[in-house]
N, C-alpha and C. Protein backbone atom coordinates (compact mmCIF):
# COMPACT_ATOMS: atom_id res chain seq x y z
N MET A 1 61.50 7.17 56.18
CA MET A 1 61.41 6.02 57.12
C MET A 1 59.72 5.76 57.22
N ILE A 2 59.65 4.77 57.21
CA ILE A 2 58.03 4.14 56.93
C ILE A 2 57.68 3.11 57.91
N ARG A 3 56.57 2.74 58.34
CA ARG A 3 56.19 1.92 59.17
C ARG A 3 54.86 1.28 58.64
N ARG A 4 54.96 -0.30 58.29
CA ARG A 4 53.45 -0.82 58.14
C ARG A 4 53.29 -1.87 59.42
N ARG A 5 52.09 -2.37 59.45
CA ARG A 5 51.37 -3.40 60.41
C ARG A 5 50.63 -4.33 59.15
N LEU A 6 51.28 -5.73 59.41
CA LEU A 6 50.61 -6.61 58.45
C LEU A 6 50.04 -7.65 59.53
N ILE A 7 49.05 -8.27 58.93
CA ILE A 7 48.60 -9.58 59.34
C ILE A 7 48.70 -10.60 58.11
N VAL A 8 49.63 -11.50 58.71
CA VAL A 8 50.00 -12.88 57.61
C VAL A 8 49.30 -14.09 58.06
N HIS A 9 48.27 -14.42 57.04
CA HIS A 9 47.37 -15.25 56.89
C HIS A 9 48.03 -16.87 56.99
N GLY A 10 47.82 -17.77 57.04
CA GLY A 10 48.08 -19.39 56.50
C GLY A 10 48.27 -19.89 57.65
N ARG A 11 49.20 -20.88 56.90
CA ARG A 11 50.36 -21.98 57.94
C ARG A 11 51.46 -21.43 57.79
N VAL A 12 51.51 -20.47 59.15
CA VAL A 12 52.82 -19.53 59.31
C VAL A 12 53.03 -19.58 60.56
N GLN A 13 52.52 -20.47 61.54
CA GLN A 13 53.23 -20.46 62.72
C GLN A 13 53.62 -22.04 62.85
N GLY A 14 54.70 -22.17 64.20
CA GLY A 14 55.37 -23.45 64.04
C GLY A 14 55.92 -23.80 62.78
N VAL A 15 56.46 -22.75 61.61
CA VAL A 15 57.33 -23.13 60.55
C VAL A 15 58.21 -22.62 60.48
N GLY A 16 58.82 -21.51 61.58
CA GLY A 16 60.02 -20.56 61.24
C GLY A 16 59.67 -19.43 60.89
N PHE A 17 58.24 -19.02 60.54
CA PHE A 17 58.21 -18.12 59.75
C PHE A 17 58.53 -16.52 60.60
N ARG A 18 58.41 -16.47 61.80
CA ARG A 18 58.96 -15.33 62.64
C ARG A 18 60.65 -15.25 62.64
N TYR A 19 60.97 -16.53 62.67
CA TYR A 19 62.62 -16.30 62.58
C TYR A 19 63.29 -16.17 61.37
N SER A 20 62.57 -16.68 60.52
CA SER A 20 63.09 -16.27 58.75
C SER A 20 62.81 -14.82 58.78
N LEU A 21 61.80 -14.30 59.06
CA LEU A 21 61.35 -12.93 58.60
C LEU A 21 62.41 -11.96 59.64
N ALA A 22 62.84 -12.16 60.93
CA ALA A 22 63.74 -11.94 61.33
C ALA A 22 65.15 -11.55 61.11
N ARG A 23 65.38 -12.35 60.40
CA ARG A 23 66.66 -12.76 59.41
C ARG A 23 66.51 -11.59 58.46
N GLN A 24 65.48 -11.89 57.55
CA GLN A 24 65.38 -11.02 56.42
C GLN A 24 65.45 -9.62 56.68
N ALA A 25 64.92 -9.29 57.93
CA ALA A 25 64.67 -8.05 58.41
C ALA A 25 65.86 -7.13 58.71
N GLN A 26 66.75 -8.04 59.66
CA GLN A 26 67.95 -7.69 60.02
C GLN A 26 69.18 -7.42 58.44
N SER A 27 68.82 -8.26 57.68
CA SER A 27 69.49 -8.28 56.58
C SER A 27 69.24 -6.97 55.78
N ARG A 28 67.98 -6.47 55.92
CA ARG A 28 67.77 -5.16 55.20
C ARG A 28 67.82 -4.12 55.73
N GLY A 29 68.32 -4.22 57.46
CA GLY A 29 68.05 -2.98 58.16
C GLY A 29 66.69 -2.61 58.65
N VAL A 30 65.72 -3.31 58.73
CA VAL A 30 64.50 -2.95 59.12
C VAL A 30 64.33 -3.37 60.39
N ALA A 31 63.67 -2.68 61.21
CA ALA A 31 63.48 -2.81 62.55
C ALA A 31 61.79 -3.28 62.65
N GLY A 32 61.68 -3.89 63.90
CA GLY A 32 60.13 -4.33 64.08
C GLY A 32 60.13 -5.80 64.83
N SER A 33 58.72 -6.27 64.80
CA SER A 33 58.27 -7.37 65.27
C SER A 33 57.39 -8.32 64.77
N ALA A 34 57.38 -9.46 65.11
CA ALA A 34 56.59 -10.58 64.31
C ALA A 34 55.83 -11.75 65.66
N ALA A 35 54.77 -11.45 66.04
CA ALA A 35 54.25 -11.80 67.20
C ALA A 35 52.67 -12.90 66.38
N ASN A 36 52.67 -14.24 66.97
CA ASN A 36 51.87 -15.15 66.79
C ASN A 36 50.34 -14.73 67.56
N ARG A 37 49.46 -14.65 66.39
CA ARG A 37 48.11 -14.54 67.19
C ARG A 37 47.22 -15.66 67.34
N PRO A 38 46.66 -15.44 68.16
CA PRO A 38 45.62 -16.35 68.57
C PRO A 38 44.85 -17.37 67.42
N ASP A 39 44.59 -16.66 66.46
CA ASP A 39 43.59 -17.14 65.12
C ASP A 39 44.71 -17.99 64.22
N GLY A 40 46.13 -17.87 64.66
CA GLY A 40 46.81 -18.73 63.84
C GLY A 40 47.63 -17.68 62.84
N ALA A 41 47.19 -16.74 62.85
CA ALA A 41 48.28 -15.69 61.88
C ALA A 41 49.15 -15.10 62.68
N VAL A 42 49.96 -14.67 61.89
CA VAL A 42 51.54 -13.48 62.44
C VAL A 42 50.89 -12.31 62.31
N GLU A 43 50.99 -11.42 63.06
CA GLU A 43 51.55 -9.69 63.49
C GLU A 43 52.61 -9.37 63.32
N VAL A 44 52.77 -8.71 62.08
CA VAL A 44 54.04 -8.37 61.98
C VAL A 44 54.15 -6.77 61.76
N VAL A 45 55.05 -6.01 62.50
CA VAL A 45 55.37 -4.81 62.24
C VAL A 45 56.81 -4.17 61.59
N LEU A 46 57.00 -3.62 60.74
CA LEU A 46 57.93 -3.27 59.99
C LEU A 46 58.74 -1.64 60.16
N GLU A 47 59.61 -1.42 60.31
CA GLU A 47 59.75 0.14 59.83
C GLU A 47 61.26 0.31 59.42
N GLY A 48 61.39 0.78 58.78
CA GLY A 48 62.88 1.30 57.82
C GLY A 48 62.52 1.80 56.48
N GLU A 49 63.33 1.82 55.60
CA GLU A 49 63.74 2.75 54.53
C GLU A 49 62.27 2.28 53.81
N GLN A 50 61.77 2.62 52.74
CA GLN A 50 60.71 2.29 52.02
C GLN A 50 60.92 0.98 51.46
N GLU A 51 62.01 1.22 50.59
CA GLU A 51 62.13 -0.01 49.53
C GLU A 51 62.59 -1.28 50.64
N ALA A 52 63.28 -1.13 51.46
CA ALA A 52 63.53 -2.22 52.55
C ALA A 52 62.25 -2.95 52.88
N VAL A 53 61.38 -1.90 53.45
CA VAL A 53 60.00 -2.24 53.73
C VAL A 53 59.22 -3.21 53.10
N GLU A 54 59.11 -2.50 51.76
CA GLU A 54 58.36 -3.22 50.80
C GLU A 54 59.10 -4.54 50.21
N SER A 55 60.15 -4.46 50.28
CA SER A 55 61.10 -5.84 49.82
C SER A 55 60.40 -7.08 51.24
N LEU A 56 60.46 -6.66 52.25
CA LEU A 56 59.98 -7.72 52.97
C LEU A 56 58.38 -7.57 53.17
N VAL A 57 57.52 -6.83 52.57
CA VAL A 57 56.06 -7.05 52.67
C VAL A 57 56.31 -8.46 51.52
N ARG A 58 56.45 -7.87 50.59
CA ARG A 58 56.89 -8.99 49.46
C ARG A 58 57.28 -10.41 50.30
N TRP A 59 58.29 -10.39 50.84
CA TRP A 59 58.84 -11.50 50.96
C TRP A 59 57.74 -12.51 52.08
N CYS A 60 56.76 -11.53 53.07
CA CYS A 60 55.85 -12.20 53.61
C CYS A 60 54.75 -12.95 52.70
N GLU A 61 54.57 -12.32 51.37
CA GLU A 61 53.90 -13.09 50.96
C GLU A 61 54.27 -14.40 50.27
N GLU A 62 55.08 -14.97 50.56
CA GLU A 62 55.81 -16.15 50.25
C GLU A 62 56.26 -16.90 51.40
N GLY A 63 56.85 -16.24 52.39
CA GLY A 63 57.74 -16.93 53.44
C GLY A 63 58.73 -17.94 53.25
N PRO A 64 59.13 -18.37 54.64
CA PRO A 64 60.21 -19.56 54.31
C PRO A 64 59.34 -20.57 53.79
N ARG A 65 60.22 -22.04 53.01
CA ARG A 65 59.37 -22.93 52.18
C ARG A 65 58.59 -23.55 52.98
N SER A 66 58.67 -23.76 54.29
CA SER A 66 57.91 -24.42 55.06
C SER A 66 56.56 -23.80 55.35
N ALA A 67 56.22 -22.47 54.95
CA ALA A 67 54.91 -21.76 55.53
C ALA A 67 54.09 -21.83 54.22
N VAL A 68 52.87 -21.82 54.47
CA VAL A 68 52.04 -21.64 53.30
C VAL A 68 50.71 -20.15 53.66
N VAL A 69 51.76 -19.19 53.01
CA VAL A 69 50.88 -17.94 52.95
C VAL A 69 49.68 -17.71 52.16
N GLU A 70 48.50 -17.65 52.71
CA GLU A 70 47.06 -17.40 52.02
C GLU A 70 47.09 -16.17 51.45
N ARG A 71 47.30 -15.00 52.66
CA ARG A 71 47.23 -13.76 52.09
C ARG A 71 47.81 -12.72 53.14
N VAL A 72 48.12 -12.05 52.90
CA VAL A 72 48.79 -10.80 53.87
C VAL A 72 47.79 -9.30 53.79
N GLU A 73 47.65 -9.23 54.80
CA GLU A 73 46.72 -7.49 54.76
C GLU A 73 47.74 -6.79 55.38
N VAL A 74 47.85 -5.46 54.68
CA VAL A 74 48.28 -4.22 55.52
C VAL A 74 47.35 -3.62 56.22
N VAL A 75 47.34 -4.10 57.45
CA VAL A 75 46.20 -3.24 57.89
C VAL A 75 46.54 -1.74 58.44
N SER A 76 47.69 -1.28 58.44
CA SER A 76 47.69 -0.08 58.75
C SER A 76 49.26 0.75 58.53
N GLU A 77 49.07 1.90 58.08
CA GLU A 77 50.49 2.48 57.70
C GLU A 77 50.22 3.67 58.91
N GLU A 78 51.43 3.40 59.71
CA GLU A 78 51.58 4.34 60.90
C GLU A 78 52.99 5.06 60.62
N GLN A 79 52.92 6.01 61.81
CA GLN A 79 53.85 6.89 61.87
C GLN A 79 55.11 6.16 62.43
N PRO A 80 56.32 6.28 61.98
CA PRO A 80 57.76 5.29 62.35
C PRO A 80 57.80 5.75 64.04
N GLU A 81 58.11 5.01 64.51
CA GLU A 81 58.48 5.11 66.16
C GLU A 81 59.99 5.15 66.57
N GLY A 82 60.78 4.93 65.50
CA GLY A 82 62.20 4.87 65.79
C GLY A 82 62.69 4.10 66.55
N LEU A 83 62.15 2.24 66.06
CA LEU A 83 62.38 1.14 66.60
C LEU A 83 63.69 0.85 66.30
N ARG A 84 64.45 -0.13 67.26
CA ARG A 84 65.62 -0.51 66.84
C ARG A 84 65.12 -2.00 67.22
N GLY A 85 66.23 -2.88 66.32
CA GLY A 85 66.33 -4.47 66.39
C GLY A 85 64.78 -4.93 65.56
N PHE A 86 64.78 -6.21 65.83
CA PHE A 86 64.12 -7.03 65.65
C PHE A 86 63.21 -7.98 66.72
N ALA A 87 61.95 -7.94 66.99
CA ALA A 87 61.94 -8.91 67.79
C ALA A 87 60.60 -9.72 67.57
N THR A 88 60.90 -11.47 68.29
CA THR A 88 59.96 -12.22 67.97
C THR A 88 59.19 -12.62 69.45
N ARG A 89 57.98 -12.70 69.04
CA ARG A 89 57.00 -12.87 70.23
C ARG A 89 56.07 -14.40 70.02
């Protein structure tokens, strides 16, 4: 199990990014959360098997069709907390 915290920059609010990410995470068995930030970015926490988390990090670099992702920062590699489910805020 691994845990990553990301900041996704670009046109990622109001375009279904968080909800699309939640569906992608659930389909891969990854827990975590996605929250809008005041600066227009989305903060993402992903926790699960390494391959699944890395797959979602790559997905975040593209996002859904309606998003325009400029860059994805992996801001930290953290200790897993045993999260369950995926929350959008």
